[in-house]
C-alpha atoms as a PDB file:
ATOM      1  CA  MET A   1      35.775  -2.898 -29.935  1.00  0.00           C
ATOM      2  CA  GLU A   2      32.557  -3.687 -28.096  1.00  0.00           C
ATOM      3  CA  ARG A   3      31.036  -7.027 -28.965  1.00  0.00           C
ATOM      4  CA  ARG A   4      27.455  -7.334 -30.062  1.00  0.00           C
ATOM      5  CA  LEU A   5      25.046 -10.218 -30.228  1.00  0.00           C
ATOM      6  CA  GLN A   6      22.445  -9.881 -32.970  1.00  0.00           C
ATOM      7  CA  VAL A   7      19.244 -11.877 -33.058  1.00  0.00           C
ATOM      8  CA  THR A   8      17.190 -11.798 -36.222  1.00  0.00           C
ATOM      9  CA  SER A   9      13.823 -13.040 -37.375  1.00  0.00           C
ATOM     10  CA  SER A  10      11.433 -12.346 -40.221  1.00  0.00           C
ATOM     11  CA  ASN A  11      10.829  -8.762 -41.286  1.00  0.00           C
ATOM     12  CA  GLU A  12       7.842  -7.114 -39.670  1.00  0.00           C
ATOM     13  CA  LYS A  13       6.029  -3.844 -40.164  1.00  0.00           C
ATOM     14  CA  GLN A  14       5.758  -1.536 -37.159  1.00  0.00           C
ATOM     15  CA  LYS A  15       8.139  -2.654 -34.418  1.00  0.00           C
ATOM     16  CA  PRO A  16      10.348  -5.382 -35.878  1.00  0.00           C
ATOM     17  CA  ALA A  17      10.920  -8.729 -34.201  1.00  0.00           C
ATOM     18  CA  GLU A  18      14.661  -8.229 -34.565  1.00  0.00           C
ATOM     19  CA  VAL A  19      16.339  -7.282 -31.295  1.00  0.00           C
ATOM     20  CA  VAL A  20      19.998  -6.366 -30.988  1.00  0.00           C
ATOM     21  CA  VAL A  21      21.559  -7.047 -27.605  1.00  0.00           C
ATOM     22  CA  GLU A  22      24.625  -4.938 -26.961  1.00  0.00           C
ATOM     23  CA  LYS A  23      27.182  -5.825 -24.336  1.00  0.00           C
ATOM     24  CA  PRO A  24      26.323  -6.436 -21.526  1.00  0.00           C
ATOM     25  CA  TYR A  25      23.204  -8.609 -21.445  1.00  0.00           C
ATOM     26  CA  VAL A  26      20.996  -6.652 -19.037  1.00  0.00           C
ATOM     27  CA  ILE A  27      18.394  -8.284 -16.792  1.00  0.00           C
ATOM     28  CA  ARG A  28      16.141  -6.224 -14.572  1.00  0.00           C
ATOM     29  CA  GLY A  29      15.690  -7.599 -11.063  1.00  0.00           C
ATOM     30  CA  HIS A  30      11.963  -8.311 -11.119  1.00  0.00           C
ATOM     31  CA  HIS A  31      12.333 -10.161 -14.443  1.00  0.00           C
ATOM     32  CA  ILE A  32      14.677 -12.775 -13.010  1.00  0.00           C
ATOM     33  CA  GLY A  33      11.878 -15.366 -12.866  1.00  0.00           C
ATOM     34  CA  PHE A  34      12.062 -15.832 -16.638  1.00  0.00           C
ATOM     35  CA  PHE A  35      15.703 -16.826 -16.372  1.00  0.00           C
ATOM     36  CA  ILE A  36      15.117 -19.094 -13.386  1.00  0.00           C
ATOM     37  CA  GLN A  37      12.684 -21.005 -15.602  1.00  0.00           C
ATOM     38  CA  LEU A  38      15.307 -21.263 -18.355  1.00  0.00           C
ATOM     39  CA  LEU A  39      17.816 -22.630 -15.832  1.00  0.00           C
ATOM     40  CA  LYS A  40      15.683 -24.574 -13.354  1.00  0.00           C
ATOM     41  CA  GLY A  41      12.152 -24.969 -14.716  1.00  0.00           C
ATOM     42  CA  THR A  42       9.075 -24.735 -12.509  1.00  0.00           C
ATOM     43  CA  THR A  43       7.548 -26.631  -9.602  1.00  0.00           C
ATOM     44  CA  ILE A  44       5.236 -28.307 -12.116  1.00  0.00           C
ATOM     45  CA  ASP A  45       8.035 -29.248 -14.507  1.00  0.00           C
ATOM     46  CA  ILE A  46      11.395 -29.171 -12.733  1.00  0.00           C
ATOM     47  CA  ARG A  47      13.769 -29.040 -15.673  1.00  0.00           C
ATOM     48  CA  PRO A  48      15.241 -26.204 -17.711  1.00  0.00           C
ATOM     49  CA  PHE A  49      12.809 -24.770 -20.247  1.00  0.00           C
ATOM     50  CA  SER A  50      13.914 -24.308 -23.833  1.00  0.00           C
ATOM     51  CA  PRO A  51      13.536 -20.789 -25.279  1.00  0.00           C
ATOM     52  CA  GLU A  52      10.724 -22.077 -27.516  1.00  0.00           C
ATOM     53  CA  GLU A  53       8.864 -23.681 -24.611  1.00  0.00           C
ATOM     54  CA  LEU A  54       9.197 -20.666 -22.372  1.00  0.00           C
ATOM     55  CA  SER A  55       8.183 -18.123 -24.997  1.00  0.00           C
ATOM     56  CA  SER A  56       5.201 -20.271 -25.996  1.00  0.00           C
ATOM     57  CA  THR A  57       4.145 -20.763 -22.362  1.00  0.00           C
ATOM     58  CA  GLN A  58       4.488 -17.077 -21.579  1.00  0.00           C
ATOM     59  CA  SER A  59       2.633 -16.097 -24.742  1.00  0.00           C
ATOM     60  CA  ALA A  60      -0.311 -18.319 -23.785  1.00  0.00           C
ATOM     61  CA  PHE A  61      -0.291 -16.826 -20.300  1.00  0.00           C
ATOM     62  CA  PHE A  62      -0.156 -13.295 -21.696  1.00  0.00           C
ATOM     63  CA  ARG A  63      -3.019 -13.973 -24.089  1.00  0.00           C
ATOM     64  CA  ALA A  64      -5.130 -15.351 -21.243  1.00  0.00           C
ATOM     65  CA  LYS A  65      -4.447 -12.182 -19.276  1.00  0.00           C
ATOM     66  CA  TRP A  66      -5.348 -10.151 -22.361  1.00  0.00           C
ATOM     67  CA  GLU A  67      -8.664 -11.983 -22.730  1.00  0.00           C
ATOM     68  CA  HIS A  68      -9.424 -11.265 -19.097  1.00  0.00           C
ATOM     69  CA  ALA A  69      -8.468  -7.615 -19.537  1.00  0.00           C
ATOM     70  CA  ILE A  70     -10.978  -7.078 -22.344  1.00  0.00           C
ATOM     71  CA  SER A  71     -13.815  -8.969 -20.641  1.00  0.00           C
ATOM     72  CA  ASN A  72     -14.878  -5.875 -18.715  1.00  0.00           C
ATOM     73  CA  GLU A  73     -17.385  -3.610 -20.470  1.00  0.00           C
ATOM     74  CA  ASP A  74     -15.256  -0.532 -19.746  1.00  0.00           C
ATOM     75  CA  TYR A  75     -11.988  -2.382 -20.298  1.00  0.00           C
ATOM     76  CA  GLU A  76     -10.281   0.389 -22.282  1.00  0.00           C
ATOM     77  CA  GLN A  77     -10.052   2.544 -19.148  1.00  0.00           C
ATOM     78  CA  THR A  78      -8.586  -0.127 -16.870  1.00  0.00           C
ATOM     79  CA  PRO A  79      -4.911  -0.349 -15.866  1.00  0.00           C
ATOM     80  CA  GLU A  80      -4.956  -4.061 -16.735  1.00  0.00           C
ATOM     81  CA  PHE A  81      -5.951  -3.345 -20.335  1.00  0.00           C
ATOM     82  CA  LEU A  82      -3.424  -0.531 -20.650  1.00  0.00           C
ATOM     83  CA  TYR A  83      -0.661  -2.783 -19.296  1.00  0.00           C
ATOM     84  CA  TRP A  84      -1.289  -5.636 -21.728  1.00  0.00           C
ATOM     85  CA  LYS A  85      -1.808  -3.233 -24.629  1.00  0.00           C
ATOM     86  CA  ASP A  86       1.593  -1.764 -23.760  1.00  0.00           C
ATOM     87  CA  THR A  87       3.196  -5.195 -23.409  1.00  0.00           C
ATOM     88  CA  ILE A  88       1.789  -7.363 -26.211  1.00  0.00           C
ATOM     89  CA  GLY A  89      -0.357  -5.011 -28.270  1.00  0.00           C
ATOM     90  CA  THR A  90      -3.969  -5.412 -29.293  1.00  0.00           C
ATOM     91  CA  THR A  91      -3.780  -7.707 -32.309  1.00  0.00           C
ATOM     92  CA  THR A  92      -2.941 -11.325 -33.008  1.00  0.00           C
ATOM     93  CA  GLU A  93      -0.024 -10.113 -35.117  1.00  0.00           C
ATOM     94  CA  SER A  94       1.431  -7.921 -32.362  1.00  0.00           C
ATOM     95  CA  GLN A  95       1.117 -10.778 -29.894  1.00  0.00           C
ATOM     96  CA  ARG A  96       2.890 -13.102 -32.310  1.00  0.00           C
ATOM     97  CA  ARG A  97       5.687 -10.561 -32.637  1.00  0.00           C
ATOM     98  CA  ASN A  98       5.998 -10.410 -28.858  1.00  0.00           C
ATOM     99  CA  GLU A  99       6.344 -14.184 -28.655  1.00  0.00           C
ATOM    100  CA  GLU A 100       8.974 -14.156 -31.415  1.00  0.00           C
ATOM    101  CA  ARG A 101      10.987 -11.433 -29.691  1.00  0.00           C
ATOM    102  CA  GLN A 102      10.848 -13.349 -26.419  1.00  0.00           C
ATOM    103  CA  LYS A 103      12.026 -16.558 -28.062  1.00  0.00           C
ATOM    104  CA  ASN A 104      14.934 -14.748 -29.704  1.00  0.00           C
ATOM    105  CA  MET A 105      15.928 -13.065 -26.464  1.00  0.00           C
ATOM    106  CA  PHE A 106      15.803 -16.302 -24.458  1.00  0.00           C
ATOM    107  CA  GLN A 107      17.784 -18.100 -27.162  1.00  0.00           C
ATOM    108  CA  THR A 108      20.413 -15.383 -26.975  1.00  0.00           C
ATOM    109  CA  PHE A 109      20.685 -15.900 -23.208  1.00  0.00           C
ATOM    110  CA  VAL A 110      21.088 -19.664 -23.554  1.00  0.00           C
ATOM    111  CA  GLU A 111      23.827 -19.215 -26.160  1.00  0.00           C
ATOM    112  CA  LEU A 112      25.811 -16.466 -24.413  1.00  0.00           C
ATOM    113  CA  PRO A 113      29.556 -17.215 -24.355  1.00  0.00           C
ATOM    114  CA  ASP A 114      30.756 -18.116 -20.850  1.00  0.00           C
ATOM    115  CA  ASP A 115      32.706 -14.876 -20.519  1.00  0.00           C
ATOM    116  CA  TYR A 116      29.958 -12.611 -21.849  1.00  0.00           C
ATOM    117  CA  PRO A 117      29.004  -9.899 -19.322  1.00  0.00           C
ATOM    118  CA  VAL A 118      25.590 -10.176 -17.711  1.00  0.00           C
ATOM    119  CA  GLU A 119      24.261  -7.285 -15.657  1.00  0.00           C
ATOM    120  CA  LEU A 120      21.533  -7.542 -13.036  1.00  0.00           C
ATOM    121  CA  VAL A 121      20.077  -4.087 -12.530  1.00  0.00           C
ATOM    122  CA  SER A 122      17.276  -2.167 -10.839  1.00  0.00           C
ATOM    123  CA  GLY A 123      15.211   0.669 -12.276  1.00  0.00           C
ATOM    124  CA  ARG A 124      16.388   0.398 -15.870  1.00  0.00           C
ATOM    125  CA  ARG A 125      15.056  -1.144 -19.077  1.00  0.00           C
ATOM    126  CA  ASP A 126      16.393  -4.574 -19.910  1.00  0.00           C
ATOM    127  CA  VAL A 127      16.147  -7.299 -22.538  1.00  0.00           C
ATOM    128  CA  ILE A 128      12.603  -8.218 -21.436  1.00  0.00           C
ATOM    129  CA  CYS A 129      11.455  -4.613 -21.692  1.00  0.00           C
ATOM    130  CA  GLU A 130      12.761  -4.586 -25.251  1.00  0.00           C
ATOM    131  CA  THR A 131      10.360  -7.386 -26.208  1.00  0.00           C
ATOM    132  CA  CYS A 132       7.310  -5.244 -25.350  1.00  0.00           C
ATOM    133  CA  GLU A 133       5.200  -3.874 -28.176  1.00  0.00           C
ATOM    134  CA  VAL A 134       5.532  -0.378 -26.678  1.00  0.00           C
ATOM    135  CA  GLY A 135       7.103  -0.693 -23.220  1.00  0.00           C
ATOM    136  CA  ALA A 136       5.989   2.633 -21.749  1.00  0.00           C
ATOM    137  CA  HIS A 137       5.207   1.000 -18.393  1.00  0.00           C
ATOM    138  CA  CYS A 138       8.892   0.095 -18.016  1.00  0.00           C
ATOM    139  CA  ILE A 139      10.015   3.716 -17.683  1.00  0.00           C
ATOM    140  CA  ILE A 140       7.336   5.515 -15.657  1.00  0.00           C
ATOM    141  CA  THR A 141       6.675   5.596 -11.931  1.00  0.00           C
ATOM    142  CA  SER A 142       2.947   6.367 -12.047  1.00  0.00           C
ATOM    143  CA  SER A 143       0.289   3.692 -11.521  1.00  0.00           C
ATOM    144  CA  GLU A 144      -1.312   4.225 -14.937  1.00  0.00           C
ATOM    145  CA  PHE A 145      -0.557   0.598 -15.842  1.00  0.00           C
ATOM    146  CA  GLY A 146      -1.328  -0.902 -12.438  1.00  0.00           C
ATOM    147  CA  GLU A 147       1.656  -1.444 -10.162  1.00  0.00           C
ATOM    148  CA  ASP A 148       3.674   1.749  -9.905  1.00  0.00           C
ATOM    149  CA  GLY A 149       7.263   1.967 -11.063  1.00  0.00           C
ATOM    150  CA  LEU A 150       8.688   2.720  -7.638  1.00  0.00           C
ATOM    151  CA  THR A 151       7.254  -0.550  -6.316  1.00  0.00           C
ATOM    152  CA  ARG A 152       8.935  -2.380  -9.200  1.00  0.00           C
ATOM    153  CA  LEU A 153      12.137  -0.519  -8.383  1.00  0.00           C
ATOM    154  CA  LYS A 154      11.981  -1.849  -4.811  1.00  0.00           C
ATOM    155  CA  ARG A 155      11.460  -5.371  -6.130  1.00  0.00           C
ATOM    156  CA  ASP A 156      14.376  -4.912  -8.536  1.00  0.00           C
ATOM    157  CA  THR A 157      16.633  -3.760  -5.715  1.00  0.00           C
ATOM    158  CA  HIS A 158      15.607  -6.667  -3.495  1.00  0.00           C
ATOM    159  CA  VAL A 159      16.501  -9.177  -6.227  1.00  0.00           C
ATOM    160  CA  VAL A 160      19.886  -7.586  -6.957  1.00  0.00           C
ATOM    161  CA  ALA A 161      20.722  -7.554  -3.229  1.00  0.00           C
ATOM    162  CA  ASN A 162      19.561 -11.172  -2.942  1.00  0.00           C
ATOM    163  CA  PHE A 163      21.813 -12.152  -5.841  1.00  0.00           C
ATOM    164  CA  TYR A 164      24.744 -10.500  -4.072  1.00  0.00           C
ATOM    165  CA  VAL A 165      24.028 -12.469  -0.888  1.00  0.00           C
ATOM    166  CA  ALA A 166      23.672 -15.699  -2.876  1.00  0.00           C
ATOM    167  CA  ALA A 167      27.078 -15.146  -4.488  1.00  0.00           C
ATOM    168  CA  LYS A 168      28.579 -14.519  -1.054  1.00  0.00           C
ATOM    169  CA  GLU A 169      27.080 -17.713   0.352  1.00  0.00           C
ATOM    170  CA  LEU A 170      28.492 -19.691  -2.583  1.00  0.00           C
ATOM    171  CA  GLY A 171      31.955 -18.191  -2.170  1.00  0.00           C
ATOM    172  CA  LYS A 172      31.629 -16.349  -5.463  1.00  0.00           C
ATOM    173  CA  LEU A 173      31.577 -12.774  -4.253  1.00  0.00           C
ATOM    174  CA  ASP A 174      34.831 -12.108  -6.075  1.00  0.00           C
ATOM    175  CA  VAL A 175      33.170 -12.711  -9.462  1.00  0.00           C
ATOM    176  CA  LEU A 176      30.719  -9.827  -8.985  1.00  0.00           C
ATOM    177  CA  THR A 177      31.421  -6.212  -9.844  1.00  0.00           C
ATOM    178  CA  ARG A 178      29.287  -3.354  -8.572  1.00  0.00           C
ATOM    179  CA  VAL A 179      28.547  -1.005 -11.466  1.00  0.00           C
ATOM    180  CA  ASN A 180      27.227   2.543 -11.368  1.00  0.00           C
ATOM    181  CA  ARG A 181      23.915   2.943 -13.127  1.00  0.00           C
ATOM    182  CA  ILE A 182      21.267   5.680 -13.217  1.00  0.00           C
ATOM    183  CA  SER A 183      17.524   4.993 -13.366  1.00  0.00           C
ATOM    184  CA  ASP A 184      15.852   5.690 -16.701  1.00  0.00           C
ATOM    185  CA  PHE A 185      12.364   6.606 -15.517  1.00  0.00           C
ATOM    186  CA  THR A 186      11.097   9.492 -17.622  1.00  0.00           C
ATOM    187  CA  ASP A 187       8.804  11.043 -15.007  1.00  0.00           C
ATOM    188  CA  MET A 188      11.219  11.474 -12.108  1.00  0.00           C
ATOM    189  CA  GLU A 189      14.687  12.836 -11.478  1.00  0.00           C
ATOM    190  CA  PRO A 190      17.433  10.312 -12.324  1.00  0.00           C
ATOM    191  CA  ARG A 191      18.813   8.466  -9.322  1.00  0.00           C
ATOM    192  CA  GLU A 192      21.639   6.004  -8.766  1.00  0.00           C
ATOM    193  CA  VAL A 193      20.372   2.427  -8.739  1.00  0.00           C
ATOM    194  CA  LEU A 194      21.826  -0.890  -7.624  1.00  0.00           C
ATOM    195  CA  ALA A 195      23.448  -3.053 -10.290  1.00  0.00           C
ATOM    196  CA  VAL A 196      26.007  -5.872 -10.384  1.00  0.00           C
ATOM    197  CA  GLN A 197      27.832  -7.442 -13.282  1.00  0.00           C
ATOM    198  CA  THR A 198      29.406 -10.853 -13.776  1.00  0.00           C
ATOM    199  CA  THR A 199      29.942 -13.332 -16.606  1.00  0.00           C
ATOM    200  CA  ALA A 200      27.198 -15.423 -18.166  1.00  0.00           C
ATOM    201  CA  LYS A 201      28.787 -18.567 -16.747  1.00  0.00           C
ATOM    202  CA  ASN A 202      28.888 -17.200 -13.211  1.00  0.00           C
ATOM    203  CA  PHE A 203      25.377 -15.748 -13.434  1.00  0.00           C
ATOM    204  CA  LYS A 204      23.955 -19.096 -14.502  1.00  0.00           C
ATOM    205  CA  GLU A 205      25.932 -21.021 -11.870  1.00  0.00           C
ATOM    206  CA  ILE A 206      24.773 -18.743  -9.058  1.00  0.00           C
ATOM    207  CA  ILE A 207      21.126 -19.036 -10.100  1.00  0.00           C
ATOM    208  CA  LYS A 208      21.324 -22.812 -10.481  1.00  0.00           C
ATOM    209  CA  SER A 209      23.296 -23.414  -7.274  1.00  0.00           C
ATOM    210  CA  SER A 210      21.546 -21.087  -4.838  1.00  0.00           C
ATOM    211  CA  ASP A 211      18.398 -22.054  -2.954  1.00  0.00           C
ATOM    212  CA  ARG A 212      17.544 -18.364  -2.865  1.00  0.00           C
ATOM    213  CA  PHE A 213      16.256 -18.642  -6.414  1.00  0.00           C
ATOM    214  CA  LYS A 214      13.273 -20.924  -6.294  1.00  0.00           C
ATOM    215  CA  VAL A 215      11.520 -22.388  -9.292  1.00  0.00           C
ATOM    216  CA  THR A 216       8.176 -20.729  -9.894  1.00  0.00           C
ATOM    217  CA  GLU A 217       4.703 -22.181  -9.554  1.00  0.00           C
ATOM    218  CA  ASP A 218       3.999 -22.208 -13.288  1.00  0.00           C
END
């Protein structure tokens, strides 16, 4: 029987804060920075962030971006506004829900059993996408929300390939498994995308041990 990890929080109307993570724990390539912060911290504060600290920090950053997005007189037509509306919603309540979902998801990652499968993938929704209020930008290739999906796909692929090289350099190539995955963009034909799977313990050790994964600026 397939294992499940269930994260719960208070009941919410609209999209609930509860997120169920089914095996494996999926991380999209260009989202890896969140997990580097959980494992390594940042250049400003070089120590692992707690799920509460990271979700709070990210929420403040997101809200600042939101305030900037609505500062333009014609903001409702801008890709920046559409992106943040899609990600954190337009109300204080929706933004609070986003922060709660992030905290739950990061806590789940921290508490994963050592042998729990973690998958690093390109061109598919992941646990971060699931924290979005809507998440439409995660599955389209157009530039409606700013950066187009194909550019994100290239960044995803670069990260997955970089992770593979890091494992090789650390002598851990044998703990990776290449898995077959198909992109889930809704506005293009499905295509095979790069993905690798390992255990939570190995994923964390590779990130923490490799100089290829630098702590971020903030």
